[in-house]
Protein backbone atom coordinates (compact mmCIF):
# COMPACT_ATOMS: atom_id res chain seq x y z
CA UNK A 1 -49.34 1.09 26.49
CA UNK A 2 -48.76 -2.34 28.10
CA UNK A 3 -45.47 -2.95 29.86
CA UNK A 4 -43.58 -5.89 28.39
CA UNK A 5 -41.91 -8.35 30.72
CA UNK A 6 -38.47 -7.59 29.24
CA UNK A 7 -38.77 -3.91 30.06
CA UNK A 8 -38.84 -4.35 33.84
CA UNK A 9 -35.90 -2.81 35.67
CA UNK A 10 -36.39 -4.19 39.15
CA UNK A 11 -34.53 -7.45 38.67
CA UNK A 12 -31.07 -8.38 39.92
CA UNK A 13 -28.29 -8.42 37.39
CA UNK A 14 -25.43 -10.83 37.05
CA UNK A 15 -22.20 -9.68 38.66
CA UNK A 16 -18.60 -10.86 38.40
CA UNK A 17 -17.63 -9.91 41.94
CA UNK A 18 -16.94 -13.52 42.91
CA UNK A 19 -14.28 -13.77 40.20
CA UNK A 20 -12.66 -10.36 40.60
CA UNK A 21 -9.18 -10.01 42.03
CA UNK A 22 -7.33 -6.76 42.72
CA UNK A 23 -3.62 -6.23 42.60
CA UNK A 24 -0.95 -3.57 42.36
CA UNK A 25 0.41 -2.84 38.90
CA UNK A 26 4.07 -3.78 38.45
CA UNK A 27 6.38 -2.70 35.67
CA UNK A 28 7.58 -5.43 33.26
CA UNK A 29 10.85 -6.97 34.36
CA UNK A 30 12.22 -7.19 30.83
CA UNK A 31 13.89 -4.14 29.35
CA UNK A 32 11.59 -2.40 26.89
CA UNK A 33 14.22 -0.47 24.91
CA UNK A 34 13.91 -1.34 21.23
CA UNK A 35 17.05 -2.67 19.56
CA UNK A 36 18.10 -0.53 16.57
CA UNK A 37 17.82 -2.26 13.20
CA UNK A 38 20.60 -0.19 11.62
CA UNK A 39 24.18 0.36 12.73
CA UNK A 40 24.40 3.66 10.83
CA UNK A 41 21.05 5.36 10.25
CA UNK A 42 22.56 8.27 8.31
CA UNK A 43 24.27 5.92 5.86
CA UNK A 44 21.10 3.86 5.50
CA UNK A 45 19.07 6.99 4.79
CA UNK A 46 21.61 8.19 2.22
CA UNK A 47 21.40 4.81 0.50
CA UNK A 48 17.61 5.02 0.32
CA UNK A 49 17.83 8.53 -1.12
CA UNK A 50 20.18 7.29 -3.85
CA UNK A 51 17.90 4.36 -4.59
CA UNK A 52 14.86 6.65 -4.79
CA UNK A 53 16.65 8.96 -7.22
CA UNK A 54 17.48 6.00 -9.46
CA UNK A 55 13.95 4.60 -9.24
CA UNK A 56 12.12 7.80 -10.21
CA UNK A 57 12.14 8.62 -13.93
CA UNK A 58 12.23 12.12 -15.34
CA UNK A 59 9.03 14.18 -15.29
CA UNK A 60 7.14 13.50 -17.45
CA UNK A 61 8.28 9.92 -18.01
CA UNK A 62 9.49 9.21 -21.54
CA UNK A 63 6.52 8.13 -23.67
CA UNK A 64 4.05 8.80 -20.90
CA UNK A 65 0.45 9.19 -22.06
CA UNK A 66 -1.42 8.99 -18.79
CA UNK A 67 -5.13 9.66 -18.93
CA UNK A 68 -6.62 12.54 -16.99
CA UNK A 69 -9.04 11.20 -14.37
CA UNK A 70 -10.77 13.37 -11.79
CA UNK A 71 -8.85 13.30 -8.50
CA UNK A 72 -5.96 11.26 -9.91
CA UNK A 73 -2.50 12.76 -9.71
CA UNK A 74 0.09 11.82 -12.34
CA UNK A 75 2.84 9.66 -10.93
CA UNK A 76 4.87 6.48 -11.14
CA UNK A 77 5.21 3.12 -9.42
CA UNK A 78 8.18 1.89 -7.41
CA UNK A 79 8.75 -1.35 -5.53
CA UNK A 80 9.87 -1.28 -1.91
CA UNK A 81 11.18 -4.27 0.02
CA UNK A 82 11.74 -4.59 3.74
CA UNK A 83 14.63 -6.03 5.67
CA UNK A 84 14.15 -9.75 6.19
CA UNK A 85 13.91 -10.90 9.84
CA UNK A 86 17.23 -12.23 11.15
CA UNK A 87 15.72 -14.98 13.27
CA UNK A 88 12.96 -17.53 12.81
CA UNK A 89 9.78 -16.95 14.71
CA UNK A 90 10.02 -13.15 14.59
CA UNK A 91 7.27 -12.73 12.01
CA UNK A 92 7.29 -11.04 8.63
CA UNK A 93 9.15 -7.78 8.08
CA UNK A 94 6.08 -5.81 7.02
CA UNK A 95 6.00 -2.40 5.37
CA UNK A 96 5.42 0.03 8.29
CA UNK A 97 2.08 1.87 8.15
CA UNK A 98 3.97 5.13 8.72
CA UNK A 99 5.79 4.63 5.40
CA UNK A 100 2.74 5.92 3.55
CA UNK A 101 2.12 9.65 3.15
CA UNK A 102 -1.64 9.82 2.83
CA UNK A 103 -1.84 13.58 2.41
CA UNK A 104 0.53 13.44 -0.57
CA UNK A 105 -1.04 10.16 -1.82
CA UNK A 106 2.20 8.17 -1.50
CA UNK A 107 0.44 4.87 -0.86
CA UNK A 108 1.05 1.13 -0.94
CA UNK A 109 -0.96 -0.45 -3.76
CA UNK A 110 -0.32 -4.14 -3.08
CA UNK A 111 2.10 -6.27 -1.07
CA UNK A 112 3.72 -9.66 -1.51
CA UNK A 113 5.63 -11.80 0.98
CA UNK A 114 9.07 -12.93 -0.14
CA UNK A 115 10.71 -16.29 0.50
CA UNK A 116 12.93 -14.64 3.14
CA UNK A 117 9.84 -13.46 5.10
CA UNK A 118 10.37 -9.89 4.02
CA UNK A 119 7.58 -7.92 2.34
CA UNK A 120 7.68 -6.39 -1.13
CA UNK A 121 5.25 -3.59 -1.88
CA UNK A 122 4.15 -1.69 -4.95
CA UNK A 123 4.04 2.01 -4.06
CA UNK A 124 2.48 4.85 -6.03
CA UNK A 125 4.47 8.09 -5.93
CA UNK A 126 2.72 11.14 -7.43
CA UNK A 127 5.01 13.50 -9.29
CA UNK A 128 3.92 16.34 -7.00
CA UNK A 129 4.93 14.33 -3.91
CA UNK A 130 8.54 13.69 -4.89
CA UNK A 131 9.97 16.68 -3.03
CA UNK A 132 8.02 15.87 0.14
CA UNK A 133 9.20 12.26 0.03
CA UNK A 134 12.82 13.32 -0.52
CA UNK A 135 12.59 15.84 2.32
CA UNK A 136 11.21 13.19 4.65
CA UNK A 137 13.94 10.73 3.73
CA UNK A 138 16.50 13.50 4.04
CA UNK A 139 15.41 14.20 7.61
CA UNK A 140 15.80 10.50 8.38
CA UNK A 141 19.28 10.52 6.82
CA UNK A 142 20.42 13.66 8.65
CA UNK A 143 23.99 13.61 9.98
CA UNK A 144 23.88 16.67 12.24
CA UNK A 145 21.00 16.01 14.61
CA UNK A 146 22.12 18.28 17.42
CA UNK A 147 19.87 17.66 20.43
CA UNK A 148 17.00 16.36 18.32
CA UNK A 149 15.99 12.73 17.87
CA UNK A 150 16.25 11.24 14.40
CA UNK A 151 13.04 11.68 12.41
CA UNK A 152 10.92 8.94 10.80
CA UNK A 153 12.80 5.92 12.15
CA UNK A 154 9.62 3.76 12.30
CA UNK A 155 8.84 4.62 8.68
CA UNK A 156 12.19 3.82 7.08
CA UNK A 157 14.48 1.68 9.23
CA UNK A 158 12.87 -1.54 7.93
CA UNK A 159 13.11 -0.47 4.28
CA UNK A 160 15.91 -2.28 2.49
CA UNK A 161 15.47 -1.44 -1.20
CA UNK A 162 13.61 1.00 -3.44
CA UNK A 163 13.51 0.15 -7.15
CA UNK A 164 11.82 1.31 -10.34
CA UNK A 165 8.71 -0.58 -11.42
CA UNK A 166 6.33 -0.76 -14.35
CA UNK A 167 2.66 -1.62 -14.62
CA UNK A 168 3.35 -5.37 -14.75
CA UNK A 169 3.82 -5.41 -10.96
CA UNK A 170 0.10 -4.69 -10.53
CA UNK A 171 -0.86 -8.06 -12.03
CA UNK A 172 -1.40 -10.59 -9.26
CA UNK A 173 -1.05 -13.64 -11.52
CA UNK A 174 1.50 -14.96 -14.01
CA UNK A 175 0.28 -13.47 -17.28
CA UNK A 176 1.10 -14.23 -20.92
CA UNK A 177 0.86 -10.74 -22.39
CA UNK A 178 1.31 -12.13 -25.91
CA UNK A 179 -1.93 -14.09 -25.69
CA UNK A 180 -4.41 -12.30 -27.99
CA UNK A 181 -7.50 -14.00 -26.54
CA UNK A 182 -9.86 -11.57 -24.77
CA UNK A 183 -10.69 -12.60 -21.21
CA UNK A 184 -12.35 -10.96 -18.23
CA UNK A 185 -10.18 -9.05 -15.76
CA UNK A 186 -10.71 -7.52 -12.34
CA UNK A 187 -9.46 -3.97 -11.93
CA UNK A 188 -9.23 -3.18 -8.22
CA UNK A 189 -9.85 0.55 -8.32
CA UNK A 190 -8.82 2.78 -5.40
CA UNK A 191 -11.12 5.29 -3.83
CA UNK A 192 -14.16 6.53 -5.70
CA UNK A 193 -12.75 6.40 -9.18
CA UNK A 194 -14.65 3.36 -10.47
CA UNK A 195 -17.03 5.35 -12.67
CA UNK A 196 -14.17 7.32 -14.23
CA UNK A 197 -12.11 4.16 -14.79
CA UNK A 198 -15.08 2.37 -16.38
CA UNK A 199 -15.72 5.30 -18.71
CA UNK A 200 -12.04 5.46 -19.69
CA UNK A 201 -11.97 1.69 -20.29
CA UNK A 202 -14.88 1.92 -22.72
CA UNK A 203 -13.11 4.73 -24.55
CA UNK A 204 -10.08 2.41 -24.79
CA UNK A 205 -12.27 -0.21 -26.53
CA UNK A 206 -12.48 -2.51 -23.52
CA UNK A 207 -15.84 -4.04 -22.71
CA UNK A 208 -16.99 -3.17 -19.19
CA UNK A 209 -19.36 -5.41 -17.24
CA UNK A 210 -22.35 -3.79 -15.55
CA UNK A 211 -21.70 -5.62 -12.26
CA UNK A 212 -19.14 -4.50 -9.70
CA UNK A 213 -17.85 -5.55 -6.32
CA UNK A 214 -17.59 -2.88 -3.64
CA UNK A 215 -15.32 -2.90 -0.59
CA UNK A 216 -14.52 -0.10 1.88
CA UNK A 217 -11.31 0.97 0.10
CA UNK A 218 -11.63 -0.41 -3.42
CA UNK A 219 -14.23 -1.15 -6.06
CA UNK A 220 -13.72 -3.97 -8.54
CA UNK A 221 -14.49 -3.14 -12.18
CA UNK A 222 -14.68 -6.04 -14.63
CA UNK A 223 -13.30 -5.47 -18.15
CA UNK A 224 -12.96 -7.76 -21.15
CA UNK A 225 -9.85 -7.59 -23.32
CA UNK A 226 -6.57 -9.13 -24.30
CA UNK A 227 -3.83 -9.11 -21.67
CA UNK A 228 -1.69 -6.58 -23.56
CA UNK A 229 -4.64 -4.21 -24.01
CA UNK A 230 -5.47 -4.34 -20.29
CA UNK A 231 -1.83 -3.80 -19.38
CA UNK A 232 -1.64 -0.80 -21.70
CA UNK A 233 -4.80 0.68 -20.21
CA UNK A 234 -3.69 0.14 -16.59
CA UNK A 235 -0.38 1.79 -17.42
CA UNK A 236 -2.19 4.97 -18.46
CA UNK A 237 -4.06 5.31 -15.16
CA UNK A 238 -1.24 4.65 -12.67
CA UNK A 239 -2.42 5.29 -9.14
CA UNK A 240 -6.04 4.44 -9.89
CA UNK A 241 -5.74 0.64 -10.01
CA UNK A 242 -4.20 -1.12 -7.02
CA UNK A 243 -4.24 -4.65 -8.46
CA UNK A 244 -5.26 -6.55 -11.59
CA UNK A 245 -6.55 -10.14 -11.38
CA UNK A 246 -7.88 -12.64 -13.85
CA UNK A 247 -11.61 -12.74 -13.21
CA UNK A 248 -13.11 -15.96 -11.85
CA UNK A 249 -16.52 -17.49 -12.31
CA UNK A 250 -17.57 -16.44 -8.83
């Protein structure tokens, strides 16, 4: 086998020695202690627990007729909003990644920035995860800590409000739900539930397009129907659809 020129190993390589400088590491001069966002963490936690109790309906929710999809847990939607930054130039008060409870499927479906640079999020809470979420918030709200540090501060100290929500919060556009005209919609389906959602949509008399868009975390299913019909369908598969958009020509 002939030896190609690029395979030779006996050539000098480029080095960065001429540009390298060594030095002793020094600790930052500024104090790194993080300033607490809450004056009274126990009171803040108790407030969030009360808000959560008010936001969660009875099980099962009155009039609930959720469809049974493989791998989908029955649950409800709530909206969560963060504390707005107190000073300009400090960035947006985003929902902390630790707020989610992936094992229990308490997940953020979609987020929206508010005018005050806070962040509002639509969160899916499975019925089976309610106790775990309350226990976690209860640990954060604990009064008698003893020698232990307060739990879950990064997850909850930025959370300002928790409120009840309905399926309308999944729609990313301003929608006239009284418009009877059928149009194409994008259902942004979480996980690997696209086939099940498409099958359920056909059973609900919605036309389903053969094409889809696939992303790492979601798959977009295109359905044709009136706004009210799509809203009614999305409301029966809470937790499966992260967002609903009006479909575009592209």
